[in-house]
Amino acid sequence: MDRPWGLLPSDIEELILKREWQNFTGLKARLLNDKPFPIRIGLKPPTGQLAVGDMEHFQKFIGQWRSFAAQHLIEWETRNYRVLSEQTLPKFFLNP
């Protein structure tokens, strides 16, 4: 997770483990329904300039989420980029 944008499935796994399950206060709040499920995490889709600046990561970001087995857990968004035209990007991950 060294980039400010484009969280990958492995980043989300690490983030959920750290923020939710290894965090006693957060876990207690989830179990008591003070913080409701599903857990919704922004995947930080990039601006056009950021995407063009690191096309390798941009393609990896889209590709890994497209091949993610549980597609029903991903919210997608269509964006129009000046240089890249219309792109459908993963926007949120939902963890039930």
Protein backbone atom coordinates (compact mmCIF):
# COMPACT_ATOMS: atom_id res chain seq x y z
CA MET A 1 0.00 0.00 0.00
CA ASP A 2 2.72 2.46 -0.87
CA ARG A 3 0.62 4.35 -3.44
CA PRO A 4 -1.98 7.00 -2.57
CA TRP A 5 -4.38 5.49 -5.14
CA GLY A 6 -5.43 2.16 -6.62
CA LEU A 7 -5.80 -0.30 -3.75
CA LEU A 8 -5.41 -3.90 -4.90
CA PRO A 9 -7.17 -6.98 -3.47
CA SER A 10 -4.09 -7.84 -1.38
CA ASP A 11 -4.10 -4.28 0.02
CA ILE A 12 -7.75 -4.62 1.02
CA GLU A 13 -7.11 -7.95 2.75
CA GLU A 14 -4.31 -6.35 4.77
CA LEU A 15 -6.38 -3.23 5.51
CA ILE A 16 -9.43 -5.16 6.74
CA LEU A 17 -7.30 -7.38 8.94
CA LYS A 18 -5.54 -4.38 10.49
CA ARG A 19 -8.48 -1.93 10.76
CA GLU A 20 -11.25 -4.31 11.65
CA TRP A 21 -10.23 -7.70 13.04
CA GLN A 22 -7.00 -6.81 14.85
CA ASN A 23 -8.53 -3.61 16.25
CA PHE A 24 -10.38 -4.56 19.45
CA THR A 25 -12.39 -1.34 19.65
CA GLY A 26 -13.49 -1.56 16.03
CA LEU A 27 -14.28 -5.27 16.28
CA LYS A 28 -16.37 -4.74 19.40
CA ALA A 29 -18.26 -1.92 17.69
CA ARG A 30 -18.99 -4.18 14.68
CA LEU A 31 -20.16 -7.05 16.87
CA LEU A 32 -22.42 -4.72 18.88
CA ASN A 33 -23.74 -3.24 15.61
CA ASP A 34 -22.47 0.23 16.55
CA LYS A 35 -20.55 0.11 13.25
CA PRO A 36 -22.85 -1.71 10.86
CA PHE A 37 -21.92 -4.24 8.21
CA PRO A 38 -21.03 -4.39 5.41
CA ILE A 39 -17.59 -2.90 5.73
CA ARG A 40 -17.25 -0.49 2.79
CA ILE A 41 -13.76 0.49 1.71
CA GLY A 42 -12.90 2.99 -1.00
CA LEU A 43 -10.47 1.56 -3.55
CA LYS A 44 -9.10 5.01 -4.42
CA PRO A 45 -9.50 5.07 -8.20
CA PRO A 46 -7.05 7.55 -9.71
CA THR A 47 -7.51 10.85 -11.45
CA GLY A 48 -6.58 10.83 -15.11
CA GLN A 49 -3.22 12.45 -14.46
CA LEU A 50 -2.28 9.85 -11.81
CA ALA A 51 -3.38 6.98 -14.06
CA VAL A 52 -1.33 8.22 -17.01
CA GLY A 53 1.63 8.79 -14.69
CA ASP A 54 1.68 5.10 -13.72
CA MET A 55 -0.07 3.12 -16.45
CA GLU A 56 1.40 -0.16 -15.22
CA HIS A 57 -0.30 0.21 -11.83
CA PHE A 58 -3.49 1.53 -13.47
CA GLN A 59 -3.75 -1.61 -15.62
CA LYS A 60 -2.90 -3.84 -12.66
CA PHE A 61 -5.54 -2.07 -10.53
CA ILE A 62 -8.30 -2.62 -13.08
CA GLY A 63 -7.13 -6.11 -14.09
CA GLN A 64 -6.92 -7.54 -10.58
CA TRP A 65 -10.38 -6.28 -9.66
CA ARG A 66 -11.88 -7.52 -12.93
CA SER A 67 -10.51 -10.99 -12.23
CA PHE A 68 -11.56 -10.92 -8.56
CA ALA A 69 -13.83 -13.93 -8.02
CA ALA A 70 -16.49 -12.26 -5.85
CA GLN A 71 -17.62 -9.52 -8.26
CA HIS A 72 -20.77 -8.89 -6.20
CA LEU A 73 -18.52 -7.32 -3.52
CA ILE A 74 -17.20 -4.60 -5.84
CA GLU A 75 -18.92 -1.35 -6.78
CA TRP A 76 -17.82 -0.09 -10.19
CA GLU A 77 -17.92 3.44 -11.60
CA THR A 78 -17.54 4.76 -15.12
CA ARG A 79 -15.29 7.79 -15.49
CA ASN A 80 -14.35 9.84 -18.52
CA TYR A 81 -10.67 10.63 -18.68
CA ARG A 82 -9.39 13.16 -21.18
CA VAL A 83 -6.43 11.04 -22.28
CA LEU A 84 -7.78 7.53 -21.56
CA SER A 85 -11.42 8.11 -22.64
CA GLU A 86 -14.17 6.24 -20.79
CA GLN A 87 -13.00 3.70 -18.19
CA THR A 88 -14.94 1.50 -15.79
CA LEU A 89 -13.11 1.43 -12.48
CA PRO A 90 -13.55 -0.36 -9.18
CA LYS A 91 -14.63 2.23 -6.62
CA PHE A 92 -15.62 0.38 -3.42
CA PHE A 93 -15.12 -3.03 -1.85
CA LEU A 94 -17.88 -4.36 0.41
CA ASN A 95 -17.07 -6.94 3.04
CA PRO A 96 -20.25 -8.51 4.41
